[in-house]
Structures are given as structure tokens and as C-alpha cells.
N, C-alpha and C. Protein backbone atom coordinates (compact mmCIF):
# COMPACT_ATOMS: atom_id res chain seq x y z
N MET A 1 234.99 -25.16 140.56
CA MET A 1 234.07 -26.02 139.73
C MET A 1 232.84 -25.22 139.24
N GLU A 2 232.28 -24.48 140.22
CA GLU A 2 231.02 -23.66 139.64
C GLU A 2 231.36 -22.45 138.74
N ALA A 3 232.72 -21.90 139.02
CA ALA A 3 233.09 -20.80 137.76
C ALA A 3 233.25 -21.51 136.72
N ARG A 4 233.75 -22.44 136.51
CA ARG A 4 234.17 -23.42 135.20
C ARG A 4 232.86 -23.51 134.44
N ARG A 5 231.86 -23.71 135.06
CA ARG A 5 230.49 -24.18 134.41
C ARG A 5 230.13 -22.81 133.69
N ARG A 6 230.66 -21.72 133.97
CA ARG A 6 230.16 -20.43 133.23
C ARG A 6 230.94 -20.05 132.08
N LEU A 7 232.04 -20.95 131.89
CA LEU A 7 232.80 -20.55 130.97
C LEU A 7 232.77 -21.49 129.63
N GLY A 8 233.13 -20.94 128.56
CA GLY A 8 233.41 -21.72 127.26
C GLY A 8 234.69 -21.31 126.60
N VAL A 9 235.35 -22.27 126.11
CA VAL A 9 236.77 -22.26 125.62
C VAL A 9 236.92 -22.80 124.17
N MET A 10 237.51 -22.24 123.20
CA MET A 10 237.81 -22.65 122.09
C MET A 10 239.46 -22.46 121.73
N MET A 11 240.09 -23.57 121.91
CA MET A 11 241.63 -23.31 121.53
C MET A 11 242.03 -23.36 120.24
N GLN A 12 243.01 -23.03 120.07
CA GLN A 12 243.63 -22.90 118.62
C GLN A 12 244.18 -24.15 118.02
N GLU A 13 244.45 -25.08 119.02
CA GLU A 13 244.91 -26.40 118.64
C GLU A 13 244.08 -27.29 119.62
N VAL A 14 243.44 -28.38 119.11
CA VAL A 14 242.77 -29.36 119.92
C VAL A 14 242.85 -30.74 119.11
N THR A 15 242.72 -31.85 120.10
CA THR A 15 242.62 -33.08 119.59
C THR A 15 241.34 -33.62 120.04
N LEU A 16 240.41 -34.21 119.13
CA LEU A 16 239.07 -34.75 119.53
C LEU A 16 238.99 -36.24 118.90
N ALA A 17 238.19 -36.99 119.56
CA ALA A 17 238.08 -38.48 119.09
C ALA A 17 237.51 -38.41 117.56
N PRO A 18 238.35 -38.92 116.80
CA PRO A 18 238.00 -38.74 115.27
C PRO A 18 236.86 -39.61 114.83
N ASP A 19 236.51 -40.69 115.54
CA ASP A 19 235.33 -41.51 115.18
C ASP A 19 234.04 -41.01 115.78
N MET A 20 234.15 -40.01 116.59
CA MET A 20 232.72 -39.63 117.22
C MET A 20 232.16 -38.59 116.32
N ARG A 21 230.82 -38.47 116.21
CA ARG A 21 230.09 -37.70 115.36
C ARG A 21 229.89 -36.41 116.12
N VAL A 22 229.72 -35.23 115.25
CA VAL A 22 229.83 -33.94 115.76
C VAL A 22 228.73 -33.71 116.77
N ARG A 23 227.59 -34.21 116.47
CA ARG A 23 226.36 -34.29 117.38
C ARG A 23 226.98 -34.81 118.85
N GLU A 24 227.46 -36.04 118.81
CA GLU A 24 227.84 -36.65 120.02
C GLU A 24 228.94 -35.76 120.80
N LEU A 25 229.77 -35.15 120.07
CA LEU A 25 230.84 -34.25 120.76
C LEU A 25 230.18 -33.24 121.55
N ILE A 26 229.22 -32.51 120.85
CA ILE A 26 228.44 -31.44 121.38
C ILE A 26 227.58 -31.73 122.63
N ASP A 27 227.11 -33.08 122.40
CA ASP A 27 226.22 -33.63 123.59
C ASP A 27 226.86 -33.72 124.77
N ILE A 28 228.23 -34.50 124.58
CA ILE A 28 229.08 -34.81 125.82
C ILE A 28 229.46 -33.40 126.38
N THR A 29 229.84 -32.48 125.65
CA THR A 29 230.21 -31.04 126.16
C THR A 29 229.06 -30.51 126.92
N SER A 30 227.81 -30.71 126.31
CA SER A 30 226.76 -29.94 127.00
C SER A 30 226.41 -30.58 128.42
N SER A 31 226.86 -31.83 128.50
CA SER A 31 226.49 -32.62 129.71
C SER A 31 227.36 -31.83 130.95
N TYR A 32 228.35 -31.14 130.61
CA TYR A 32 229.12 -30.60 131.79
C TYR A 32 228.38 -29.39 132.41
N TYR A 33 227.43 -28.84 131.56
CA TYR A 33 226.70 -27.65 132.18
C TYR A 33 225.35 -27.81 132.65
N PRO A 34 225.07 -27.03 133.60
CA PRO A 34 223.75 -27.09 134.05
C PRO A 34 222.57 -26.77 133.33
N GLU A 35 222.58 -25.64 132.66
CA GLU A 35 221.75 -25.52 131.63
C GLU A 35 222.07 -25.17 130.20
N PRO A 36 222.52 -26.27 129.54
CA PRO A 36 222.98 -26.10 128.34
C PRO A 36 221.95 -25.61 127.16
N MET A 37 222.48 -25.30 126.06
CA MET A 37 221.59 -24.90 125.16
C MET A 37 220.99 -26.11 124.42
N PRO A 38 219.72 -26.17 123.86
CA PRO A 38 219.38 -27.21 123.09
C PRO A 38 220.36 -27.79 121.94
N ILE A 39 220.52 -28.83 121.67
CA ILE A 39 221.32 -29.31 120.66
C ILE A 39 221.09 -28.88 119.31
N HIS A 40 219.54 -28.69 119.01
CA HIS A 40 219.26 -28.13 117.67
C HIS A 40 219.42 -26.57 117.61
N GLU A 41 219.50 -25.96 118.75
CA GLU A 41 219.68 -24.56 118.81
C GLU A 41 221.31 -24.21 118.41
N VAL A 42 222.18 -25.00 119.16
CA VAL A 42 223.58 -25.00 118.92
C VAL A 42 223.80 -25.15 117.50
N LEU A 43 223.46 -26.17 116.80
CA LEU A 43 223.70 -26.54 115.47
C LEU A 43 223.09 -25.42 114.53
N ASP A 44 222.05 -24.87 114.81
CA ASP A 44 221.32 -23.92 114.12
C ASP A 44 222.28 -22.46 114.33
N LEU A 45 222.50 -22.18 115.39
CA LEU A 45 223.30 -20.94 115.64
C LEU A 45 224.69 -20.98 115.05
N THR A 46 225.34 -22.20 115.00
CA THR A 46 226.65 -22.24 114.53
C THR A 46 226.77 -22.67 113.09
N GLN A 47 225.75 -23.05 112.58
CA GLN A 47 225.56 -23.35 111.02
C GLN A 47 226.33 -24.85 110.90
N THR A 48 226.07 -25.53 111.86
CA THR A 48 226.68 -26.92 111.84
C THR A 48 225.71 -28.02 111.48
N THR A 49 224.46 -27.88 111.43
CA THR A 49 223.61 -28.84 111.27
C THR A 49 223.92 -29.90 110.19
N PRO A 50 224.43 -29.40 109.07
CA PRO A 50 224.94 -30.38 108.15
C PRO A 50 226.09 -31.28 108.63
N LEU A 51 226.77 -30.93 109.49
CA LEU A 51 227.92 -31.83 110.11
C LEU A 51 227.44 -32.74 111.17
N ALA A 52 226.28 -32.70 111.62
CA ALA A 52 225.75 -33.15 112.91
C ALA A 52 226.11 -34.66 113.03
N ARG A 53 225.89 -35.32 111.96
CA ARG A 53 225.95 -36.85 111.75
C ARG A 53 227.41 -37.38 111.17
N ARG A 54 228.29 -36.43 110.95
CA ARG A 54 229.61 -36.71 110.44
C ARG A 54 230.60 -37.00 111.45
N GLN A 55 231.44 -37.79 111.04
CA GLN A 55 232.49 -38.25 111.98
C GLN A 55 233.36 -36.98 112.04
N TYR A 56 233.99 -36.78 113.18
CA TYR A 56 234.90 -35.51 113.40
C TYR A 56 236.08 -35.76 112.46
N GLY A 57 236.54 -36.97 112.55
CA GLY A 57 237.97 -37.14 111.76
C GLY A 57 237.96 -36.96 110.42
N LYS A 58 236.76 -37.07 109.78
CA LYS A 58 236.46 -37.01 108.28
C LYS A 58 236.03 -35.56 107.84
N LEU A 59 236.09 -34.41 108.74
CA LEU A 59 235.81 -33.23 108.62
C LEU A 59 237.20 -32.37 108.06
N SER A 60 236.75 -31.40 107.12
CA SER A 60 237.81 -30.49 106.65
C SER A 60 238.34 -29.64 107.84
N GLY A 61 239.52 -28.87 107.76
CA GLY A 61 239.87 -28.08 108.80
C GLY A 61 239.06 -27.09 109.29
N GLY A 62 238.23 -26.27 108.33
CA GLY A 62 237.29 -25.31 108.49
C GLY A 62 236.19 -25.93 109.40
N GLN A 63 235.60 -27.19 108.93
CA GLN A 63 234.56 -27.63 109.64
C GLN A 63 234.87 -28.20 111.02
N LYS A 64 236.03 -28.66 111.13
CA LYS A 64 236.41 -28.74 112.47
C LYS A 64 236.23 -27.82 113.39
N ARG A 65 236.89 -26.51 112.81
CA ARG A 65 236.79 -25.37 113.65
C ARG A 65 235.35 -24.79 114.10
N LEU A 66 234.29 -25.09 113.08
CA LEU A 66 232.91 -24.86 113.47
C LEU A 66 232.42 -25.74 114.52
N SER A 67 232.93 -27.04 114.38
CA SER A 67 232.44 -27.97 115.30
C SER A 67 232.94 -27.63 116.80
N GLN A 68 234.21 -27.35 116.90
CA GLN A 68 234.72 -26.68 117.98
C GLN A 68 234.26 -25.54 118.68
N PHE A 69 233.73 -24.67 117.77
CA PHE A 69 232.90 -23.44 118.07
C PHE A 69 231.60 -23.98 118.93
N ALA A 70 230.84 -24.87 118.23
CA ALA A 70 229.70 -25.27 118.62
C ALA A 70 229.85 -25.78 120.00
N MET A 71 230.86 -26.61 120.23
CA MET A 71 231.13 -27.05 121.67
C MET A 71 231.49 -25.98 122.67
N ALA A 72 232.13 -25.02 122.33
CA ALA A 72 232.57 -23.86 122.96
C ALA A 72 231.35 -23.16 123.68
N ILE A 73 230.25 -23.10 122.93
CA ILE A 73 229.02 -22.10 123.03
C ILE A 73 227.93 -22.92 123.69
N CYS A 74 227.87 -24.19 123.52
CA CYS A 74 226.75 -25.22 123.86
C CYS A 74 226.26 -25.00 125.32
N GLY A 75 227.11 -24.66 126.17
CA GLY A 75 226.80 -24.49 127.72
C GLY A 75 226.11 -23.09 128.05
N ARG A 76 225.87 -22.16 127.22
CA ARG A 76 225.39 -21.04 127.54
C ARG A 76 226.56 -20.05 128.30
N PRO A 77 227.70 -20.01 127.81
CA PRO A 77 228.75 -19.37 128.83
C PRO A 77 228.54 -18.07 129.00
N GLN A 78 228.76 -17.60 130.26
CA GLN A 78 228.72 -16.12 130.50
C GLN A 78 229.99 -15.46 130.01
N LEU A 79 231.08 -16.33 129.97
CA LEU A 79 232.42 -15.69 129.57
C LEU A 79 232.97 -16.82 128.57
N LEU A 80 233.24 -16.19 127.35
CA LEU A 80 233.67 -17.22 126.15
C LEU A 80 234.97 -16.74 125.88
N PHE A 81 235.81 -17.68 125.81
CA PHE A 81 237.49 -17.43 125.29
C PHE A 81 237.73 -18.15 123.93
N LEU A 82 238.01 -17.45 123.01
CA LEU A 82 238.31 -17.86 121.59
C LEU A 82 239.62 -17.51 121.26
N ASP A 83 240.47 -18.56 120.86
CA ASP A 83 241.88 -18.27 120.53
C ASP A 83 241.80 -18.71 118.98
N GLU A 84 242.03 -17.46 118.27
CA GLU A 84 242.33 -17.62 116.71
C GLU A 84 241.13 -18.39 116.23
N PRO A 85 239.89 -18.00 116.39
CA PRO A 85 238.74 -18.91 116.08
C PRO A 85 238.28 -18.99 114.55
N THR A 86 238.84 -18.20 113.64
CA THR A 86 238.43 -18.18 112.40
C THR A 86 239.41 -18.78 111.55
N VAL A 87 240.64 -19.27 112.10
CA VAL A 87 241.69 -19.86 111.36
C VAL A 87 241.24 -21.11 110.57
N GLY A 88 241.46 -20.93 109.23
CA GLY A 88 241.12 -22.06 108.39
C GLY A 88 239.58 -22.10 107.70
N LEU A 89 238.96 -20.98 108.26
CA LEU A 89 237.75 -20.70 107.76
C LEU A 89 237.65 -19.92 106.41
N ASP A 90 236.88 -20.35 105.36
CA ASP A 90 236.50 -19.42 104.21
C ASP A 90 235.82 -18.16 104.57
N VAL A 91 235.77 -17.20 103.71
CA VAL A 91 235.21 -16.05 103.97
C VAL A 91 233.74 -16.07 104.38
N GLN A 92 233.00 -16.93 103.66
CA GLN A 92 231.55 -16.99 104.14
C GLN A 92 231.43 -17.63 105.63
N ALA A 93 232.32 -18.61 105.89
CA ALA A 93 232.11 -19.24 107.29
C ALA A 93 232.59 -18.21 108.28
N ARG A 94 233.63 -17.38 108.04
CA ARG A 94 233.99 -16.36 108.93
C ARG A 94 233.20 -15.38 109.12
N GLU A 95 232.19 -14.97 108.17
CA GLU A 95 231.36 -13.94 108.41
C GLU A 95 230.20 -14.52 109.14
N ARG A 96 229.72 -15.80 108.84
CA ARG A 96 228.77 -16.43 109.88
C ARG A 96 229.10 -16.42 111.14
N MET A 97 230.53 -16.80 111.45
CA MET A 97 231.06 -16.93 112.91
C MET A 97 230.87 -15.41 113.65
N TRP A 98 231.17 -14.44 112.85
CA TRP A 98 231.19 -13.24 113.16
C TRP A 98 229.65 -12.81 113.64
N PHE A 99 228.69 -13.27 112.81
CA PHE A 99 227.41 -12.83 113.20
C PHE A 99 226.95 -13.46 114.46
N THR A 100 227.25 -14.91 114.83
CA THR A 100 227.02 -15.70 115.65
C THR A 100 227.64 -14.99 116.96
N LEU A 101 228.92 -14.52 116.84
CA LEU A 101 229.36 -13.86 118.04
C LEU A 101 228.84 -12.70 118.41
N ARG A 102 228.34 -11.78 117.49
CA ARG A 102 227.53 -10.55 117.73
C ARG A 102 226.10 -11.03 118.48
N GLU A 103 225.60 -12.20 118.04
CA GLU A 103 224.53 -12.55 118.49
C GLU A 103 224.48 -13.03 119.95
N LEU A 104 225.68 -13.62 120.32
CA LEU A 104 225.91 -14.15 121.81
C LEU A 104 226.16 -12.93 122.75
N VAL A 105 226.81 -11.76 122.25
CA VAL A 105 226.95 -10.70 122.86
C VAL A 105 225.69 -10.06 123.30
N LYS A 106 224.74 -10.13 122.34
CA LYS A 106 223.46 -9.46 122.36
C LYS A 106 222.90 -10.34 123.57
N ARG A 107 222.97 -11.57 123.74
CA ARG A 107 222.32 -12.29 124.76
C ARG A 107 223.09 -12.21 126.24
N GLY A 108 224.16 -11.45 126.09
CA GLY A 108 224.76 -11.18 127.37
C GLY A 108 226.16 -11.92 127.70
N THR A 109 226.50 -12.64 126.78
CA THR A 109 228.00 -13.25 126.80
C THR A 109 229.11 -12.33 126.60
N SER A 110 230.06 -12.26 127.39
CA SER A 110 231.31 -11.76 127.39
C SER A 110 232.34 -12.52 126.63
N ILE A 111 232.95 -11.87 125.39
CA ILE A 111 233.87 -12.61 124.78
C ILE A 111 235.37 -12.14 124.97
N VAL A 112 236.45 -12.96 125.19
CA VAL A 112 237.82 -12.64 124.96
C VAL A 112 238.37 -13.39 123.85
N LEU A 113 238.56 -12.56 122.87
CA LEU A 113 239.11 -13.09 121.48
C LEU A 113 240.43 -12.69 121.12
N THR A 114 241.38 -13.75 120.88
CA THR A 114 242.72 -13.32 120.44
C THR A 114 242.75 -13.67 119.01
N THR A 115 243.30 -12.69 118.17
CA THR A 115 243.39 -12.95 116.69
C THR A 115 244.47 -11.94 116.21
N HIS A 116 245.05 -12.63 114.98
CA HIS A 116 246.01 -11.98 114.22
C HIS A 116 245.28 -11.16 113.03
N TYR A 117 244.17 -11.57 112.88
CA TYR A 117 243.35 -10.91 111.77
C TYR A 117 242.74 -9.47 112.30
N LEU A 118 243.41 -8.53 111.95
CA LEU A 118 243.23 -7.03 112.52
C LEU A 118 241.74 -6.62 112.10
N GLU A 119 241.32 -7.04 110.89
CA GLU A 119 240.02 -6.67 110.50
C GLU A 119 239.03 -7.39 111.39
N GLU A 120 239.16 -8.56 111.86
CA GLU A 120 238.41 -9.30 112.84
C GLU A 120 238.16 -8.33 113.97
N ALA A 121 239.31 -7.94 114.65
CA ALA A 121 239.01 -7.16 115.80
C ALA A 121 238.56 -5.86 115.54
N GLU A 122 238.71 -5.30 114.44
CA GLU A 122 238.11 -4.12 114.14
C GLU A 122 236.53 -4.25 113.96
N ALA A 123 236.09 -5.40 113.30
CA ALA A 123 234.73 -5.69 113.14
C ALA A 123 233.98 -6.06 114.31
N LEU A 124 234.64 -6.54 115.29
CA LEU A 124 234.05 -7.25 116.37
C LEU A 124 234.22 -6.60 117.87
N ALA A 125 235.40 -5.94 118.00
CA ALA A 125 235.72 -5.71 119.47
C ALA A 125 235.23 -4.54 119.86
N ASP A 126 234.59 -4.44 121.01
CA ASP A 126 234.37 -3.17 121.91
C ASP A 126 235.63 -2.55 122.63
N ARG A 127 236.44 -3.60 122.88
CA ARG A 127 237.72 -3.05 123.42
C ARG A 127 238.87 -3.83 122.84
N VAL A 128 239.91 -3.28 122.58
CA VAL A 128 241.14 -3.85 122.00
C VAL A 128 242.31 -3.80 122.97
N VAL A 129 243.24 -4.90 123.03
CA VAL A 129 244.44 -4.86 123.96
C VAL A 129 245.43 -5.36 122.86
N VAL A 130 246.45 -4.59 122.71
CA VAL A 130 247.69 -4.72 121.98
C VAL A 130 248.72 -5.44 122.65
N LEU A 131 249.22 -6.56 122.30
CA LEU A 131 250.44 -7.13 123.17
C LEU A 131 251.49 -7.34 122.13
N ALA A 132 252.83 -6.93 122.75
CA ALA A 132 254.05 -7.23 122.09
C ALA A 132 255.10 -7.60 122.98
N LYS A 133 255.70 -8.76 122.75
CA LYS A 133 256.75 -9.24 123.60
C LYS A 133 256.17 -9.53 124.98
N GLY A 134 255.04 -10.00 125.13
CA GLY A 134 254.42 -10.48 126.29
C GLY A 134 253.81 -9.45 127.10
N ARG A 135 253.77 -8.16 126.67
CA ARG A 135 253.27 -7.15 127.52
C ARG A 135 252.31 -6.23 126.82
N VAL A 136 251.43 -5.61 127.48
CA VAL A 136 250.39 -4.77 127.08
C VAL A 136 251.14 -3.48 126.70
N ILE A 137 250.94 -3.08 125.28
CA ILE A 137 251.49 -1.86 124.90
C ILE A 137 250.47 -0.73 124.57
N ALA A 138 249.23 -1.28 124.47
CA ALA A 138 247.95 -0.41 124.17
C ALA A 138 246.84 -0.90 124.38
N SER A 139 245.80 -0.18 124.80
CA SER A 139 244.33 -0.85 125.19
C SER A 139 243.38 0.31 124.96
N GLY A 140 242.19 0.10 124.66
CA GLY A 140 241.16 0.99 124.41
C GLY A 140 240.16 0.76 123.35
N THR A 141 239.31 1.53 123.11
CA THR A 141 238.36 1.08 121.97
C THR A 141 238.99 1.25 120.58
N VAL A 142 238.37 0.54 119.78
CA VAL A 142 239.02 0.56 118.18
C VAL A 142 239.35 1.92 117.89
N ASN A 143 238.44 2.98 118.08
CA ASN A 143 238.78 4.31 117.67
C ASN A 143 239.85 4.94 118.55
N GLU A 144 240.10 4.63 119.63
CA GLU A 144 241.20 4.97 120.58
C GLU A 144 242.45 4.44 120.05
N ILE A 145 242.41 3.19 119.66
CA ILE A 145 243.79 2.76 119.09
C ILE A 145 244.17 3.29 117.71
N ARG A 146 242.93 3.42 116.89
CA ARG A 146 243.37 3.97 115.58
C ARG A 146 243.98 5.46 115.73
N SER A 147 243.60 6.19 116.93
CA SER A 147 243.92 7.58 117.03
C SER A 147 245.39 7.75 117.05
N VAL A 148 246.18 6.60 117.54
CA VAL A 148 247.63 6.83 117.78
C VAL A 148 248.22 6.98 116.21
N VAL A 149 247.50 6.86 115.14
CA VAL A 149 247.99 7.07 113.78
C VAL A 149 247.26 8.25 113.24
N ALA A 150 248.05 9.28 112.93
CA ALA A 150 247.53 10.65 112.52
C ALA A 150 247.26 10.47 110.85
N ARG A 151 247.90 9.45 110.34
CA ARG A 151 247.94 9.33 108.76
C ARG A 151 246.26 9.03 108.28
N LYS A 152 246.01 9.52 107.09
CA LYS A 152 244.92 9.21 106.45
C LYS A 152 245.32 8.61 105.10
N LYS A 153 244.38 8.13 104.48
CA LYS A 153 244.76 7.69 102.94
C LYS A 153 243.77 8.29 101.98
N ILE A 154 244.19 8.71 100.93
CA ILE A 154 243.48 9.43 99.76
C ILE A 154 243.52 8.54 98.61
N SER A 155 242.46 8.04 97.95
CA SER A 155 242.49 7.37 96.66
C SER A 155 241.56 8.06 95.51
N CYS A 156 242.11 8.20 94.54
CA CYS A 156 241.41 8.88 93.50
C CYS A 156 241.86 8.61 91.98
N VAL A 157 240.98 8.71 91.05
CA VAL A 157 241.23 8.62 89.61
C VAL A 157 241.79 9.91 89.07
N THR A 158 242.98 10.21 88.69
CA THR A 158 243.46 11.48 88.35
C THR A 158 244.65 11.23 87.27
N ALA A 159 244.83 12.23 86.55
CA ALA A 159 245.99 12.39 85.70
C ALA A 159 247.18 12.79 86.37
N LEU A 160 247.13 13.02 87.59
CA LEU A 160 248.35 13.21 88.43
C LEU A 160 249.19 11.92 88.63
N GLU A 161 250.54 12.09 88.50
CA GLU A 161 251.28 11.07 88.79
C GLU A 161 251.88 11.06 90.39
N PRO A 162 252.24 9.94 90.96
CA PRO A 162 252.91 9.96 92.02
C PRO A 162 253.93 11.14 92.29
N HIS A 163 254.82 11.29 91.30
CA HIS A 163 255.84 12.27 91.35
C HIS A 163 255.38 13.76 91.45
N ASP A 164 254.16 13.81 91.05
CA ASP A 164 253.62 15.18 90.99
C ASP A 164 253.17 15.57 92.31
N VAL A 165 252.96 14.69 93.19
CA VAL A 165 252.26 15.20 94.66
C VAL A 165 253.29 14.80 95.80
N ARG A 166 254.33 14.00 95.59
CA ARG A 166 255.22 13.61 96.72
C ARG A 166 255.77 14.71 97.34
N HIS A 167 255.99 15.86 96.62
CA HIS A 167 256.77 17.06 97.35
C HIS A 167 255.85 17.85 98.03
N TRP A 168 254.39 17.59 97.90
CA TRP A 168 253.42 18.47 98.70
C TRP A 168 253.66 18.23 100.19
N ALA A 169 253.56 19.33 100.98
CA ALA A 169 253.58 19.24 102.42
C ALA A 169 252.43 18.38 102.96
N GLY A 170 252.68 17.62 103.71
CA GLY A 170 251.54 16.71 104.34
C GLY A 170 251.50 15.48 103.53
N VAL A 171 252.17 15.07 102.56
CA VAL A 171 252.22 13.97 101.79
C VAL A 171 253.45 12.93 102.40
N GLU A 172 253.09 11.82 102.86
CA GLU A 172 253.87 10.95 103.16
C GLU A 172 254.41 9.95 102.11
N GLU A 173 253.56 9.54 101.38
CA GLU A 173 253.87 8.56 100.22
C GLU A 173 252.66 8.68 99.26
N ALA A 174 253.14 8.46 97.95
CA ALA A 174 252.19 8.39 96.88
C ALA A 174 252.46 7.17 95.92
N ARG A 175 251.61 6.56 95.48
CA ARG A 175 251.79 5.46 94.47
C ARG A 175 250.64 5.22 93.42
N ARG A 176 250.88 4.59 92.40
CA ARG A 176 249.94 4.35 91.47
C ARG A 176 249.63 2.95 91.56
N ASP A 177 248.12 2.67 91.65
CA ASP A 177 247.60 1.30 91.75
C ASP A 177 246.55 1.22 90.56
N ARG A 178 247.12 0.66 89.36
CA ARG A 178 246.29 0.68 88.33
C ARG A 178 245.84 2.03 87.92
N GLN A 179 244.36 2.21 87.91
CA GLN A 179 243.81 3.48 87.47
C GLN A 179 243.92 4.56 88.54
N ARG A 180 244.11 4.07 89.73
CA ARG A 180 244.10 5.18 90.99
C ARG A 180 245.33 5.62 91.68
N LEU A 181 245.23 6.77 92.01
CA LEU A 181 246.42 7.24 92.90
C LEU A 181 246.10 7.16 94.26
N GLU A 182 247.06 6.54 94.91
CA GLU A 182 247.03 6.15 96.35
C GLU A 182 247.99 7.14 97.19
N ILE A 183 247.47 7.94 97.98
CA ILE A 183 248.35 8.92 98.72
C ILE A 183 248.13 8.81 100.24
N THR A 184 249.17 8.60 100.87
CA THR A 184 249.19 8.67 102.41
C THR A 184 249.58 10.10 102.86
N VAL A 185 248.77 10.56 103.78
CA VAL A 185 248.75 11.93 104.16
C VAL A 185 248.71 12.37 105.72
N THR A 186 249.08 13.34 106.17
CA THR A 186 248.81 13.62 107.50
C THR A 186 247.86 14.80 107.63
N ASP A 187 247.61 15.51 106.55
CA ASP A 187 246.54 16.54 106.53
C ASP A 187 245.76 16.40 105.29
N ALA A 188 244.65 15.70 105.61
CA ALA A 188 243.83 15.11 104.45
C ALA A 188 243.10 16.12 103.79
N GLU A 189 242.47 17.02 104.42
CA GLU A 189 241.47 18.06 104.12
C GLU A 189 242.42 18.88 103.35
N ARG A 190 243.57 19.33 103.54
CA ARG A 190 244.27 20.30 102.74
C ARG A 190 244.77 19.61 101.53
N ILE A 191 245.11 18.48 101.38
CA ILE A 191 245.51 17.81 100.42
C ILE A 191 244.50 17.44 99.31
N VAL A 192 243.19 17.31 99.96
CA VAL A 192 242.13 17.05 99.01
C VAL A 192 241.80 18.23 98.29
N ARG A 193 241.78 19.58 98.95
CA ARG A 193 241.69 20.65 98.38
C ARG A 193 242.65 20.92 97.05
N GLN A 194 243.89 20.65 97.60
CA GLN A 194 244.93 20.91 96.54
C GLN A 194 244.81 19.96 95.24
N LEU A 195 244.34 18.72 95.61
CA LEU A 195 244.15 17.80 94.43
C LEU A 195 243.07 18.40 93.44
N LEU A 196 241.97 18.97 94.11
CA LEU A 196 240.81 19.26 93.29
C LEU A 196 241.20 20.60 92.47
N VAL A 197 242.03 21.49 93.06
CA VAL A 197 242.40 22.74 92.35
C VAL A 197 243.57 22.29 91.05
N THR A 198 244.28 21.31 91.43
CA THR A 198 245.29 20.81 90.49
C THR A 198 244.81 20.15 89.42
N ASP A 199 243.76 19.42 89.59
CA ASP A 199 243.20 18.45 88.46
C ASP A 199 241.62 18.42 88.66
N ALA A 200 241.19 19.41 87.69
CA ALA A 200 239.78 19.55 87.68
C ALA A 200 238.98 18.18 87.02
N GLY A 201 239.67 17.34 86.63
CA GLY A 201 239.01 16.12 86.00
C GLY A 201 239.02 14.95 86.99
N LEU A 202 239.63 15.22 88.24
CA LEU A 202 239.74 14.22 89.27
C LEU A 202 238.31 13.65 89.53
N THR A 203 238.21 12.32 89.71
CA THR A 203 237.03 11.63 90.12
C THR A 203 237.18 10.56 91.24
N GLU A 204 236.30 9.89 91.40
CA GLU A 204 236.27 8.81 92.55
C GLU A 204 237.22 9.10 93.76
N LEU A 205 237.01 10.23 94.25
CA LEU A 205 237.92 10.59 95.61
C LEU A 205 237.20 9.81 96.69
N GLU A 206 238.30 9.21 97.42
CA GLU A 206 237.97 8.51 98.68
C GLU A 206 239.11 8.81 99.64
N VAL A 207 238.57 9.13 100.88
CA VAL A 207 239.28 9.37 101.90
C VAL A 207 238.95 8.45 103.15
N SER A 208 240.08 7.72 103.62
CA SER A 208 239.79 6.74 104.65
C SER A 208 240.79 6.86 105.84
N ARG A 209 240.32 6.63 107.12
CA ARG A 209 241.30 6.85 108.20
C ARG A 209 242.10 5.61 108.38
N ALA A 210 243.10 5.89 109.23
CA ALA A 210 243.81 4.46 109.42
C ALA A 210 243.11 3.46 110.10
N GLY A 211 243.40 2.10 109.82
CA GLY A 211 242.65 1.19 110.39
C GLY A 211 243.57 0.50 111.44
N LEU A 212 243.07 -0.66 112.20
CA LEU A 212 243.98 -1.27 113.12
C LEU A 212 245.30 -1.68 112.74
N ALA A 213 245.24 -2.18 111.53
CA ALA A 213 246.56 -2.70 110.92
C ALA A 213 247.69 -1.60 110.90
N GLU A 214 247.30 -0.31 110.62
CA GLU A 214 248.27 0.78 110.63
C GLU A 214 248.72 1.06 112.17
N ALA A 215 247.60 1.13 112.95
CA ALA A 215 247.71 1.56 114.32
C ALA A 215 248.83 0.24 114.91
N PHE A 216 248.40 -0.87 114.96
CA PHE A 216 249.28 -1.97 115.27
C PHE A 216 250.67 -1.70 114.86
N ASN A 217 250.95 -1.62 113.55
CA ASN A 217 252.31 -1.51 113.06
C ASN A 217 253.08 -0.49 113.66
N GLU A 218 252.30 0.68 113.82
CA GLU A 218 253.00 1.79 114.46
C GLU A 218 253.56 1.48 115.86
N LEU A 219 252.55 1.12 116.57
CA LEU A 219 252.76 0.65 118.05
C LEU A 219 253.75 -0.51 118.38
N THR A 220 253.81 -1.43 117.33
CA THR A 220 254.82 -2.39 117.62
C THR A 220 256.18 -2.06 117.15
N GLN A 221 256.41 -1.15 116.16
CA GLN A 221 257.50 -0.51 115.81
C GLN A 221 258.09 0.32 116.79
N GLU A 222 257.19 1.11 117.58
CA GLU A 222 257.80 1.99 118.53
C GLU A 222 258.39 1.01 119.57
N THR A 223 257.61 -0.04 120.08
CA THR A 223 258.00 -1.03 120.97
C THR A 223 259.43 -1.63 120.58
N ALA A 224 259.64 -1.95 119.47
CA ALA A 224 260.74 -2.47 118.94
C ALA A 224 262.04 -1.73 119.04
N GLN A 225 261.87 -0.26 118.89
CA GLN A 225 262.98 0.60 118.95
C GLN A 225 263.80 0.66 120.42
């Protein structure tokens, strides 16, 4: 029981009393903890003050998720479990939750977050664990997971067409995206030099490394083989 009082949990699916107000739900949850956060602080931190007097059953899906998040953190948990916490949230609400999670980490809370939004893991995680078919296939920092993918992406505005560069050594794929040429490469530095020599009018050159999405796809494809 003592260990449970140091935990906070936000499940992906949950059923709560629809006629209860958000403030009442947070207040009841807070009563389970020895030193809960003041209600006004919970509401402020989770941006749920406008929802405090509203009945839970009359909230939108995103508003319900924010209310559940408030309930998960109200007890000042030392360890917080979040299962797909931003499902159903709009972009602004998601960014606010990200801000709150970073603030909780600064205060000393450890967070275990499961998500299919890889940009979310990339933005928040100190350590990433990739699961496939119920087993761990990779774990490490974001940079360590990214490092399994050697490819980089080059994007530029150029007169060159995809068929002009596909045969270059080190080019895996090239395609046109409106005004820009998008190239996937294994040797970015050499391809950049070749692009600049071939098209002196090339502009808006961008080089980006592989993200977690590319690493995840490569890791899971290897597992499936």
C-alpha cells in the first residue's frame, strides 16, 4: 500500500462517473495520497481550471484525457505511468502536456510513457525502449536508437530531377516534393558536395539525420524477417 501511494497512473481507457465534476474527481483521487498537490496547483499545472466545474460526462474526448492526467499527477507521484496520454488531444493541448511532463521531471518525478507517436518519444524521452511482438528489441538514448539508421535526408531547391541523382553512389532514393528535391542518402557530405558542383543555382539546402520513426521501422522490419 505504501508503494502505491508513490505512484500515479493514466490508463489509455478508463470509465469515470459521468455526473461528477472534474474538481470532485481530482479531490477524491487526492485523498488517496498522504501529501497531495493543492487542487488549484493541479488545475493550473494541467491547464484544466476551465474544466473544474464541468461534469465529466459532458467533456470532449481531449478534455477527458486532460482531466485524467490531472488525476494521475495530483498525488505528487514519484513514479508516473502514462499509457498513450496524448491520444485525442489537439496540437496545442499536446504541447501543453509535454510542457507539464518536463516540469514534473524537473521536480523529481520519473515517468514511464508508452506511445505510438514517435515524435513524442523523440521530444520527451531520456531513454527509449522499442518493443515488437512482446519483447524488447532495442533500448538506449534517443541518439543511440537513431544510430541504427545510417541514412540521412537531403532537401533542396534545385533544377536537378530525381532521375538525375538516383544513379549517384550513396543515393538510396530521390523524389520531387513540389519545389524541393528530397534525397535519402548514406553519405550525406559527399552527396552535398556533388549537388553543389552539379547545380550552382541550388538553394535552401537542408540535411537532417534519421529520426526515431526511421529507426523504429528499420528495427521492426529486421525483427519481422
